[in-house]
C-alpha cells in the first residue's frame, strides 16, 4: 500500500547495495520472468544489470510445470497440492516462505 511505502527509499537509492547483496546468489522466484522484468528495468535506470548477468535464477513455476504438466501451478494451487498452510494474505515474504517449504 502507499502507506507502507511512504517511508521506504526509492529503488535507485538501494540499487547498488541490493546488486551487491544478490551478486553470485541463486534467486528462487515463482514466475521469475515477471519479476526479473521489473528488476531489470529498475536496474537499467541505474546503469546496472541485467539480473541474469549477476546471479542464477531458479523459476519454481517452470519447475512445477515440469513436475505437474497440464495442471495449474500457481502458488495457491501448489499450496493446496502439497498441503502447505497459507492462512496469511498473499505477499512477497509469504511467497518466499511458501517456496522454501
PDB file of N, CA and C in Angstrom:
ATOM      1  N   UNK A   1       0.839  -1.186   0.000  1.00  0.00           N
ATOM      2  CA  UNK A   1       0.000   0.000   0.000  1.00  0.00           C
ATOM      3  C   UNK A   1       0.880   1.244   0.000  1.00  0.00           C
ATOM      4  N   UNK A   2       0.282   2.363  -0.339  1.00  0.00           N
ATOM      5  CA  UNK A   2       1.018   3.631  -0.306  1.00  0.00           C
ATOM      6  C   UNK A   2       1.499   3.947   1.102  1.00  0.00           C
ATOM      7  N   UNK A   3       0.668   3.647   2.102  1.00  0.00           N
ATOM      8  CA  UNK A   3       1.066   3.907   3.495  1.00  0.00           C
ATOM      9  C   UNK A   3       2.306   3.101   3.876  1.00  0.00           C
ATOM     10  N   UNK A   4       2.372   1.862   3.426  1.00  0.00           N
ATOM     11  CA  UNK A   4       3.532   1.022   3.721  1.00  0.00           C
ATOM     12  C   UNK A   4       4.795   1.581   3.065  1.00  0.00           C
ATOM     13  N   UNK A   5       4.644   2.097   1.845  1.00  0.00           N
ATOM     14  CA  UNK A   5       5.802   2.549   1.070  1.00  0.00           C
ATOM     15  C   UNK A   5       6.257   3.967   1.382  1.00  0.00           C
ATOM     16  N   UNK A   6       5.456   4.733   2.093  1.00  0.00           N
ATOM     17  CA  UNK A   6       5.710   6.164   2.268  1.00  0.00           C
ATOM     18  C   UNK A   6       7.105   6.481   2.802  1.00  0.00           C
ATOM     19  N   UNK A   7       7.626   5.681   3.714  1.00  0.00           N
ATOM     20  CA  UNK A   7       8.931   5.980   4.308  1.00  0.00           C
ATOM     21  C   UNK A   7      10.055   5.095   3.760  1.00  0.00           C
ATOM     22  N   UNK A   8       9.770   4.365   2.675  1.00  0.00           N
ATOM     23  CA  UNK A   8      10.772   3.474   2.087  1.00  0.00           C
ATOM     24  C   UNK A   8      11.572   4.220   1.015  1.00  0.00           C
ATOM     25  N   UNK A   9      12.848   3.859   0.843  1.00  0.00           N
ATOM     26  CA  UNK A   9      13.661   4.524  -0.180  1.00  0.00           C
ATOM     27  C   UNK A   9      13.236   4.103  -1.588  1.00  0.00           C
ATOM     28  N   UNK A  10      13.466   4.980  -2.552  1.00  0.00           N
ATOM     29  CA  UNK A  10      13.218   4.620  -3.949  1.00  0.00           C
ATOM     30  C   UNK A  10      14.308   3.639  -4.380  1.00  0.00           C
ATOM     31  N   UNK A  11      14.032   2.878  -5.416  1.00  0.00           N
ATOM     32  CA  UNK A  11      14.939   1.810  -5.836  1.00  0.00           C
ATOM     33  C   UNK A  11      16.343   2.325  -6.131  1.00  0.00           C
ATOM     34  N   UNK A  12      16.437   3.473  -6.776  1.00  0.00           N
ATOM     35  CA  UNK A  12      17.760   3.994  -7.144  1.00  0.00           C
ATOM     36  C   UNK A  12      18.659   4.221  -5.931  1.00  0.00           C
ATOM     37  N   UNK A  13      18.071   4.455  -4.776  1.00  0.00           N
ATOM     38  CA  UNK A  13      18.852   4.679  -3.554  1.00  0.00           C
ATOM     39  C   UNK A  13      19.447   3.383  -2.994  1.00  0.00           C
ATOM     40  N   UNK A  14      18.831   2.258  -3.301  1.00  0.00           N
ATOM     41  CA  UNK A  14      19.301   0.978  -2.752  1.00  0.00           C
ATOM     42  C   UNK A  14      19.836   0.038  -3.833  1.00  0.00           C
ATOM     43  N   UNK A  15      19.811   0.469  -5.080  1.00  0.00           N
ATOM     44  CA  UNK A  15      20.171  -0.408  -6.203  1.00  0.00           C
ATOM     45  C   UNK A  15      21.563  -1.009  -6.050  1.00  0.00           C
ATOM     46  N   UNK A  16      22.563  -0.185  -5.750  1.00  0.00           N
ATOM     47  CA  UNK A  16      23.935  -0.698  -5.629  1.00  0.00           C
ATOM     48  C   UNK A  16      24.063  -1.723  -4.508  1.00  0.00           C
ATOM     49  N   UNK A  17      23.508  -1.419  -3.353  1.00  0.00           N
ATOM     50  CA  UNK A  17      23.630  -2.356  -2.229  1.00  0.00           C
ATOM     51  C   UNK A  17      22.832  -3.631  -2.496  1.00  0.00           C
ATOM     52  N   UNK A  18      21.674  -3.512  -3.155  1.00  0.00           N
ATOM     53  CA  UNK A  18      20.890  -4.697  -3.490  1.00  0.00           C
ATOM     54  C   UNK A  18      21.635  -5.552  -4.513  1.00  0.00           C
ATOM     55  N   UNK A  19      22.252  -4.903  -5.512  1.00  0.00           N
ATOM     56  CA  UNK A  19      23.033  -5.612  -6.528  1.00  0.00           C
ATOM     57  C   UNK A  19      24.157  -6.415  -5.872  1.00  0.00           C
ATOM     58  N   UNK A  20      24.855  -5.782  -4.944  1.00  0.00           N
ATOM     59  CA  UNK A  20      25.940  -6.468  -4.227  1.00  0.00           C
ATOM     60  C   UNK A  20      25.394  -7.612  -3.367  1.00  0.00           C
ATOM     61  N   UNK A  21      24.221  -7.410  -2.781  1.00  0.00           N
ATOM     62  CA  UNK A  21      23.598  -8.424  -1.928  1.00  0.00           C
ATOM     63  C   UNK A  21      23.262  -9.692  -2.714  1.00  0.00           C
ATOM     64  N   UNK A  22      22.744  -9.524  -3.948  1.00  0.00           N
ATOM     65  CA  UNK A  22      22.333 -10.690  -4.733  1.00  0.00           C
ATOM     66  C   UNK A  22      23.458 -11.262  -5.589  1.00  0.00           C
ATOM     67  N   UNK A  23      24.584 -10.569  -5.673  1.00  0.00           N
ATOM     68  CA  UNK A  23      25.684 -10.993  -6.546  1.00  0.00           C
ATOM     69  C   UNK A  23      26.112 -12.428  -6.232  1.00  0.00           C
ATOM     70  N   UNK A  24      26.122 -13.250  -7.286  1.00  0.00           N
ATOM     71  CA  UNK A  24      26.550 -14.633  -7.149  1.00  0.00           C
ATOM     72  C   UNK A  24      25.532 -15.554  -6.504  1.00  0.00           C
ATOM     73  N   UNK A  25      24.379 -15.032  -6.150  1.00  0.00           N
ATOM     74  CA  UNK A  25      23.343 -15.833  -5.487  1.00  0.00           C
ATOM     75  C   UNK A  25      22.494 -16.580  -6.502  1.00  0.00           C
ATOM     76  N   UNK A  26      21.754 -17.547  -6.003  1.00  0.00           N
ATOM     77  CA  UNK A  26      20.704 -18.172  -6.794  1.00  0.00           C
ATOM     78  C   UNK A  26      19.390 -17.611  -6.276  1.00  0.00           C
ATOM     79  N   UNK A  27      18.686 -16.884  -7.141  1.00  0.00           N
ATOM     80  CA  UNK A  27      17.395 -16.312  -6.765  1.00  0.00           C
ATOM     81  C   UNK A  27      16.310 -17.323  -7.093  1.00  0.00           C
ATOM     82  N   UNK A  28      15.449 -17.579  -6.137  1.00  0.00           N
ATOM     83  CA  UNK A  28      14.349 -18.521  -6.318  1.00  0.00           C
ATOM     84  C   UNK A  28      13.068 -17.711  -6.389  1.00  0.00           C
ATOM     85  N   UNK A  29      12.402 -17.803  -7.549  1.00  0.00           N
ATOM     86  CA  UNK A  29      11.205 -16.996  -7.801  1.00  0.00           C
ATOM     87  C   UNK A  29      10.158 -17.850  -8.497  1.00  0.00           C
ATOM     88  N   UNK A  30       8.908 -17.525  -8.259  1.00  0.00           N
ATOM     89  CA  UNK A  30       7.807 -18.178  -8.956  1.00  0.00           C
ATOM     90  C   UNK A  30       7.369 -17.241 -10.074  1.00  0.00           C
ATOM     91  N   UNK A  31       7.433 -17.715 -11.310  1.00  0.00           N
ATOM     92  CA  UNK A  31       7.189 -16.891 -12.493  1.00  0.00           C
ATOM     93  C   UNK A  31       8.259 -15.797 -12.578  1.00  0.00           C
ATOM     94  N   UNK A  32       9.497 -16.227 -12.556  1.00  0.00           N
ATOM     95  CA  UNK A  32      10.654 -15.332 -12.452  1.00  0.00           C
ATOM     96  C   UNK A  32      10.699 -14.268 -13.540  1.00  0.00           C
ATOM     97  N   UNK A  33      10.335 -14.607 -14.764  1.00  0.00           N
ATOM     98  CA  UNK A  33      10.431 -13.630 -15.853  1.00  0.00           C
ATOM     99  C   UNK A  33       9.631 -12.370 -15.543  1.00  0.00           C
ATOM    100  N   UNK A  34       8.509 -12.512 -14.866  1.00  0.00           N
ATOM    101  CA  UNK A  34       7.683 -11.361 -14.485  1.00  0.00           C
ATOM    102  C   UNK A  34       8.471 -10.436 -13.565  1.00  0.00           C
ATOM    103  N   UNK A  35       9.020 -10.989 -12.483  1.00  0.00           N
ATOM    104  CA  UNK A  35       9.763 -10.175 -11.516  1.00  0.00           C
ATOM    105  C   UNK A  35      11.077  -9.665 -12.083  1.00  0.00           C
ATOM    106  N   UNK A  36      11.765 -10.507 -12.853  1.00  0.00           N
ATOM    107  CA  UNK A  36      13.042 -10.104 -13.438  1.00  0.00           C
ATOM    108  C   UNK A  36      12.844  -8.916 -14.371  1.00  0.00           C
ATOM    109  N   UNK A  37      11.728  -8.876 -15.069  1.00  0.00           N
ATOM    110  CA  UNK A  37      11.436  -7.737 -15.947  1.00  0.00           C
ATOM    111  C   UNK A  37      11.416  -6.424 -15.184  1.00  0.00           C
ATOM    112  N   UNK A  38      10.763  -6.422 -14.033  1.00  0.00           N
ATOM    113  CA  UNK A  38      10.719  -5.208 -13.209  1.00  0.00           C
ATOM    114  C   UNK A  38      12.095  -4.866 -12.653  1.00  0.00           C
ATOM    115  N   UNK A  39      12.795  -5.873 -12.146  1.00  0.00           N
ATOM    116  CA  UNK A  39      14.129  -5.628 -11.591  1.00  0.00           C
ATOM    117  C   UNK A  39      15.088  -5.116 -12.662  1.00  0.00           C
ATOM    118  N   UNK A  40      15.085  -5.759 -13.834  1.00  0.00           N
ATOM    119  CA  UNK A  40      15.975  -5.318 -14.908  1.00  0.00           C
ATOM    120  C   UNK A  40      15.674  -3.890 -15.330  1.00  0.00           C
ATOM    121  N   UNK A  41      14.391  -3.540 -15.382  1.00  0.00           N
ATOM    122  CA  UNK A  41      14.022  -2.169 -15.740  1.00  0.00           C
ATOM    123  C   UNK A  41      14.581  -1.180 -14.719  1.00  0.00           C
ATOM    124  N   UNK A  42      14.352  -1.447 -13.447  1.00  0.00           N
ATOM    125  CA  UNK A  42      14.833  -0.544 -12.396  1.00  0.00           C
ATOM    126  C   UNK A  42      16.358  -0.477 -12.370  1.00  0.00           C
ATOM    127  N   UNK A  43      17.014  -1.624 -12.515  1.00  0.00           N
ATOM    128  CA  UNK A  43      18.477  -1.627 -12.553  1.00  0.00           C
ATOM    129  C   UNK A  43      18.998  -0.860 -13.769  1.00  0.00           C
ATOM    130  N   UNK A  44      18.318  -0.983 -14.913  1.00  0.00           N
ATOM    131  CA  UNK A  44      18.784  -0.299 -16.125  1.00  0.00           C
ATOM    132  C   UNK A  44      18.745   1.217 -15.963  1.00  0.00           C
ATOM    133  N   UNK A  45      17.786   1.723 -15.213  1.00  0.00           N
ATOM    134  CA  UNK A  45      17.719   3.162 -14.938  1.00  0.00           C
ATOM    135  C   UNK A  45      18.974   3.604 -14.184  1.00  0.00           C
ATOM    136  N   UNK A  46      19.530   2.702 -13.397  1.00  0.00           N
ATOM    137  CA  UNK A  46      20.732   2.987 -12.595  1.00  0.00           C
ATOM    138  C   UNK A  46      22.011   2.535 -13.303  1.00  0.00           C
ATOM    139  N   UNK A  47      21.881   2.164 -14.595  1.00  0.00           N
ATOM    140  CA  UNK A  47      23.019   1.658 -15.379  1.00  0.00           C
ATOM    141  C   UNK A  47      23.651   0.416 -14.754  1.00  0.00           C
ATOM    142  N   UNK A  48      22.806  -0.479 -14.267  1.00  0.00           N
ATOM    143  CA  UNK A  48      23.219  -1.748 -13.669  1.00  0.00           C
ATOM    144  C   UNK A  48      22.412  -2.854 -14.339  1.00  0.00           C
ATOM    145  N   UNK A  49      22.992  -4.042 -14.400  1.00  0.00           N
ATOM    146  CA  UNK A  49      22.196  -5.180 -14.827  1.00  0.00           C
ATOM    147  C   UNK A  49      22.670  -5.772 -16.135  1.00  0.00           C
ATOM    148  N   UNK A  50      21.935  -6.731 -16.642  1.00  0.00           N
ATOM    149  CA  UNK A  50      20.702  -7.335 -16.129  1.00  0.00           C
ATOM    150  C   UNK A  50      20.955  -8.341 -14.996  1.00  0.00           C
ATOM    151  N   UNK A  51      19.879  -8.714 -14.335  1.00  0.00           N
ATOM    152  CA  UNK A  51      19.956  -9.593 -13.172  1.00  0.00           C
ATOM    153  C   UNK A  51      20.657 -10.907 -13.512  1.00  0.00           C
ATOM    154  N   UNK A  52      20.323 -11.497 -14.667  1.00  0.00           N
ATOM    155  CA  UNK A  52      20.892 -12.805 -15.025  1.00  0.00           C
ATOM    156  C   UNK A  52      22.401 -12.746 -15.242  1.00  0.00           C
ATOM    157  N   UNK A  53      22.960 -11.552 -15.393  1.00  0.00           N
ATOM    158  CA  UNK A  53      24.416 -11.436 -15.527  1.00  0.00           C
ATOM    159  C   UNK A  53      25.101 -11.489 -14.165  1.00  0.00           C
ATOM    160  N   UNK A  54      24.318 -11.391 -13.108  1.00  0.00           N
ATOM    161  CA  UNK A  54      24.844 -11.275 -11.753  1.00  0.00           C
ATOM    162  C   UNK A  54      24.562 -12.502 -10.890  1.00  0.00           C
ATOM    163  N   UNK A  55      23.527 -13.265 -11.239  1.00  0.00           N
ATOM    164  CA  UNK A  55      23.157 -14.407 -10.410  1.00  0.00           C
ATOM    165  C   UNK A  55      22.363 -15.428 -11.214  1.00  0.00           C
ATOM    166  N   UNK A  56      22.214 -16.605 -10.631  1.00  0.00           N
ATOM    167  CA  UNK A  56      21.422 -17.666 -11.239  1.00  0.00           C
ATOM    168  C   UNK A  56      19.968 -17.489 -10.815  1.00  0.00           C
ATOM    169  N   UNK A  57      19.069 -17.967 -11.659  1.00  0.00           N
ATOM    170  CA  UNK A  57      17.637 -17.872 -11.376  1.00  0.00           C
ATOM    171  C   UNK A  57      17.049 -19.277 -11.379  1.00  0.00           C
ATOM    172  N   UNK A  58      16.314 -19.611 -10.334  1.00  0.00           N
ATOM    173  CA  UNK A  58      15.526 -20.840 -10.306  1.00  0.00           C
ATOM    174  C   UNK A  58      14.068 -20.418 -10.321  1.00  0.00           C
ATOM    175  N   UNK A  59      13.386 -20.734 -11.415  1.00  0.00           N
ATOM    176  CA  UNK A  59      11.977 -20.375 -11.562  1.00  0.00           C
ATOM    177  C   UNK A  59      11.128 -21.560 -11.113  1.00  0.00           C
ATOM    178  N   UNK A  60      10.475 -21.418  -9.966  1.00  0.00           N
ATOM    179  CA  UNK A  60       9.677 -22.519  -9.423  1.00  0.00           C
ATOM    180  C   UNK A  60       8.430 -22.792 -10.255  1.00  0.00           C
ATOM    181  N   UNK A  61       7.962 -21.806 -11.036  1.00  0.00           N
ATOM    182  CA  UNK A  61       6.833 -22.067 -11.926  1.00  0.00           C
ATOM    183  C   UNK A  61       7.268 -23.040 -13.024  1.00  0.00           C
ATOM    184  N   UNK A  62       8.429 -22.789 -13.628  1.00  0.00           N
ATOM    185  CA  UNK A  62       8.926 -23.706 -14.664  1.00  0.00           C
ATOM    186  C   UNK A  62       9.160 -25.097 -14.084  1.00  0.00           C
ATOM    187  N   UNK A  63       9.681 -25.153 -12.885  1.00  0.00           N
ATOM    188  CA  UNK A  63       9.902 -26.435 -12.212  1.00  0.00           C
ATOM    189  C   UNK A  63       8.574 -27.156 -11.973  1.00  0.00           C
ATOM    190  N   UNK A  64       7.574 -26.422 -11.483  1.00  0.00           N
ATOM    191  CA  UNK A  64       6.259 -27.017 -11.217  1.00  0.00           C
ATOM    192  C   UNK A  64       5.606 -27.522 -12.500  1.00  0.00           C
ATOM    193  N   UNK A  65       5.780 -26.782 -13.596  1.00  0.00           N
ATOM    194  CA  UNK A  65       5.210 -27.204 -14.877  1.00  0.00           C
ATOM    195  C   UNK A  65       5.843 -28.514 -15.339  1.00  0.00           C
ATOM    196  N   UNK A  66       7.146 -28.684 -15.102  1.00  0.00           N
ATOM    197  CA  UNK A  66       7.816 -29.945 -15.460  1.00  0.00           C
ATOM    198  C   UNK A  66       7.307 -31.099 -14.605  1.00  0.00           C
ATOM    199  N   UNK A  67       7.077 -30.828 -13.329  1.00  0.00           N
ATOM    200  CA  UNK A  67       6.637 -31.879 -12.405  1.00  0.00           C
ATOM    201  C   UNK A  67       5.156 -32.186 -12.571  1.00  0.00           C
ATOM    202  N   UNK A  68       4.359 -31.155 -12.842  1.00  0.00           N
ATOM    203  CA  UNK A  68       2.900 -31.289 -12.952  1.00  0.00           C
ATOM    204  C   UNK A  68       2.411 -30.717 -14.283  1.00  0.00           C
ATOM    205  N   UNK A  69       2.802 -31.317 -15.416  1.00  0.00           N
ATOM    206  CA  UNK A  69       2.380 -30.772 -16.709  1.00  0.00           C
ATOM    207  C   UNK A  69       0.861 -30.828 -16.866  1.00  0.00           C
ATOM    208  N   UNK A  70       0.327 -29.790 -17.483  1.00  0.00           N
ATOM    209  CA  UNK A  70      -1.105 -29.755 -17.746  1.00  0.00           C
ATOM    210  C   UNK A  70      -1.955 -29.369 -16.552  1.00  0.00           C
ATOM    211  N   UNK A  71      -1.324 -29.081 -15.418  1.00  0.00           N
ATOM    212  CA  UNK A  71      -2.072 -28.671 -14.234  1.00  0.00           C
ATOM    213  C   UNK A  71      -1.811 -27.194 -13.951  1.00  0.00           C
ATOM    214  N   UNK A  72      -2.676 -26.622 -13.144  1.00  0.00           N
ATOM    215  CA  UNK A  72      -2.447 -25.245 -12.708  1.00  0.00           C
ATOM    216  C   UNK A  72      -1.337 -25.256 -11.672  1.00  0.00           C
ATOM    217  N   UNK A  73      -0.410 -24.326 -11.814  1.00  0.00           N
ATOM    218  CA  UNK A  73       0.764 -24.333 -10.954  1.00  0.00           C
ATOM    219  C   UNK A  73       1.019 -22.988 -10.292  1.00  0.00           C
ATOM    220  N   UNK A  74      -0.054 -22.283  -9.988  1.00  0.00           N
ATOM    221  CA  UNK A  74       0.093 -21.048  -9.218  1.00  0.00           C
ATOM    222  C   UNK A  74       0.554 -21.417  -7.809  1.00  0.00           C
ATOM    223  N   UNK A  75       1.042 -20.448  -7.079  1.00  0.00           N
ATOM    224  CA  UNK A  75       1.458 -20.723  -5.698  1.00  0.00           C
ATOM    225  C   UNK A  75       0.280 -21.251  -4.888  1.00  0.00           C
ATOM    226  N   UNK A  76      -0.902 -20.678  -5.091  1.00  0.00           N
ATOM    227  CA  UNK A  76      -2.086 -21.158  -4.366  1.00  0.00           C
ATOM    228  C   UNK A  76      -2.371 -22.628  -4.677  1.00  0.00           C
ATOM    229  N   UNK A  77      -2.314 -22.989  -5.959  1.00  0.00           N
ATOM    230  CA  UNK A  77      -2.587 -24.385  -6.344  1.00  0.00           C
ATOM    231  C   UNK A  77      -1.514 -25.323  -5.799  1.00  0.00           C
ATOM    232  N   UNK A  78      -0.259 -24.885  -5.805  1.00  0.00           N
ATOM    233  CA  UNK A  78       0.814 -25.719  -5.256  1.00  0.00           C
ATOM    234  C   UNK A  78       0.656 -25.903  -3.751  1.00  0.00           C
ATOM    235  N   UNK A  79       0.217 -24.850  -3.062  1.00  0.00           N
ATOM    236  CA  UNK A  79      -0.025 -24.968  -1.617  1.00  0.00           C
ATOM    237  C   UNK A  79      -1.084 -26.025  -1.339  1.00  0.00           C
ATOM    238  N   UNK A  80      -2.167 -25.994  -2.102  1.00  0.00           N
ATOM    239  CA  UNK A  80      -3.219 -26.994  -1.920  1.00  0.00           C
ATOM    240  C   UNK A  80      -2.690 -28.389  -2.230  1.00  0.00           C
ATOM    241  N   UNK A  81      -1.953 -28.509  -3.326  1.00  0.00           N
ATOM    242  CA  UNK A  81      -1.435 -29.808  -3.750  1.00  0.00           C
ATOM    243  C   UNK A  81      -0.488 -30.411  -2.717  1.00  0.00           C
ATOM    244  N   UNK A  82       0.328 -29.561  -2.086  1.00  0.00           N
ATOM    245  CA  UNK A  82       1.326 -30.041  -1.132  1.00  0.00           C
ATOM    246  C   UNK A  82       0.929 -29.810   0.327  1.00  0.00           C
ATOM    247  N   UNK A  83      -0.335 -29.457   0.550  1.00  0.00           N
ATOM    248  CA  UNK A  83      -0.855 -29.249   1.911  1.00  0.00           C
ATOM    249  C   UNK A  83      -0.019 -28.263   2.724  1.00  0.00           C
ATOM    250  N   UNK A  84       0.282 -27.127   2.114  1.00  0.00           N
ATOM    251  CA  UNK A  84       1.019 -26.066   2.796  1.00  0.00           C
ATOM    252  C   UNK A  84       0.012 -25.038   3.286  1.00  0.00           C
ATOM    253  N   UNK A  85       0.047 -24.765   4.575  1.00  0.00           N
ATOM    254  CA  UNK A  85      -0.876 -23.818   5.197  1.00  0.00           C
ATOM    255  C   UNK A  85      -0.581 -22.406   4.702  1.00  0.00           C
ATOM    256  N   UNK A  86      -1.596 -21.779   4.150  1.00  0.00           N
ATOM    257  CA  UNK A  86      -1.447 -20.425   3.622  1.00  0.00           C
ATOM    258  C   UNK A  86      -2.603 -19.570   4.142  1.00  0.00           C
ATOM    259  N   UNK A  87      -2.640 -19.359   5.427  1.00  0.00           N
ATOM    260  CA  UNK A  87      -3.726 -18.583   6.022  1.00  0.00           C
ATOM    261  C   UNK A  87      -3.514 -17.089   5.889  1.00  0.00           C
ATOM    262  N   UNK A  88      -2.267 -16.685   5.681  1.00  0.00           N
ATOM    263  CA  UNK A  88      -1.957 -15.261   5.616  1.00  0.00           C
ATOM    264  C   UNK A  88      -2.288 -14.704   4.241  1.00  0.00           C
ATOM    265  N   UNK A  89      -2.361 -13.402   4.170  1.00  0.00           N
ATOM    266  CA  UNK A  89      -2.624 -12.725   2.904  1.00  0.00           C
ATOM    267  C   UNK A  89      -1.403 -12.869   2.000  1.00  0.00           C
ATOM    268  N   UNK A  90      -1.645 -12.969   0.692  1.00  0.00           N
ATOM    269  CA  UNK A  90      -0.586 -13.086  -0.313  1.00  0.00           C
ATOM    270  C   UNK A  90       0.368 -11.903  -0.217  1.00  0.00           C
ATOM    271  N   UNK A  91       1.637 -12.190  -0.242  1.00  0.00           N
ATOM    272  CA  UNK A  91       2.655 -11.147  -0.220  1.00  0.00           C
ATOM    273  C   UNK A  91       4.008 -11.744  -0.525  1.00  0.00           C
ATOM    274  N   UNK A  92       4.970 -10.907  -0.828  1.00  0.00           N
ATOM    275  CA  UNK A  92       6.291 -11.386  -1.242  1.00  0.00           C
ATOM    276  C   UNK A  92       6.973 -12.214  -0.159  1.00  0.00           C
ATOM    277  N   UNK A  93       6.914 -11.768   1.092  1.00  0.00           N
ATOM    278  CA  UNK A  93       7.568 -12.516   2.164  1.00  0.00           C
ATOM    279  C   UNK A  93       6.896 -13.872   2.364  1.00  0.00           C
ATOM    280  N   UNK A  94       5.574 -13.883   2.358  1.00  0.00           N
ATOM    281  CA  UNK A  94       4.856 -15.154   2.493  1.00  0.00           C
ATOM    282  C   UNK A  94       5.178 -16.073   1.321  1.00  0.00           C
ATOM    283  N   UNK A  95       5.215 -15.532   0.110  1.00  0.00           N
ATOM    284  CA  UNK A  95       5.556 -16.348  -1.056  1.00  0.00           C
ATOM    285  C   UNK A  95       6.936 -16.979  -0.888  1.00  0.00           C
ATOM    286  N   UNK A  96       7.894 -16.209  -0.384  1.00  0.00           N
ATOM    287  CA  UNK A  96       9.246 -16.732  -0.174  1.00  0.00           C
ATOM    288  C   UNK A  96       9.230 -17.870   0.845  1.00  0.00           C
ATOM    289  N   UNK A  97       8.467 -17.698   1.913  1.00  0.00           N
ATOM    290  CA  UNK A  97       8.369 -18.750   2.926  1.00  0.00           C
ATOM    291  C   UNK A  97       7.725 -20.007   2.349  1.00  0.00           C
ATOM    292  N   UNK A  98       6.676 -19.820   1.555  1.00  0.00           N
ATOM    293  CA  UNK A  98       5.977 -20.956   0.948  1.00  0.00           C
ATOM    294  C   UNK A  98       6.901 -21.689  -0.012  1.00  0.00           C
ATOM    295  N   UNK A  99       7.633 -20.947  -0.845  1.00  0.00           N
ATOM    296  CA  UNK A  99       8.528 -21.583  -1.809  1.00  0.00           C
ATOM    297  C   UNK A  99       9.633 -22.359  -1.115  1.00  0.00           C
ATOM    298  N   UNK A 100      10.038 -21.887   0.060  1.00  0.00           N
ATOM    299  CA  UNK A 100      11.078 -22.612   0.789  1.00  0.00           C
ATOM    300  C   UNK A 100      10.555 -23.947   1.307  1.00  0.00           C
ATOM    301  N   UNK A 101       9.247 -24.008   1.597  1.00  0.00           N
ATOM    302  CA  UNK A 101       8.646 -25.266   2.055  1.00  0.00           C
ATOM    303  C   UNK A 101       8.526 -26.233   0.902  1.00  0.00           C
TER     304      UNK A 101
END
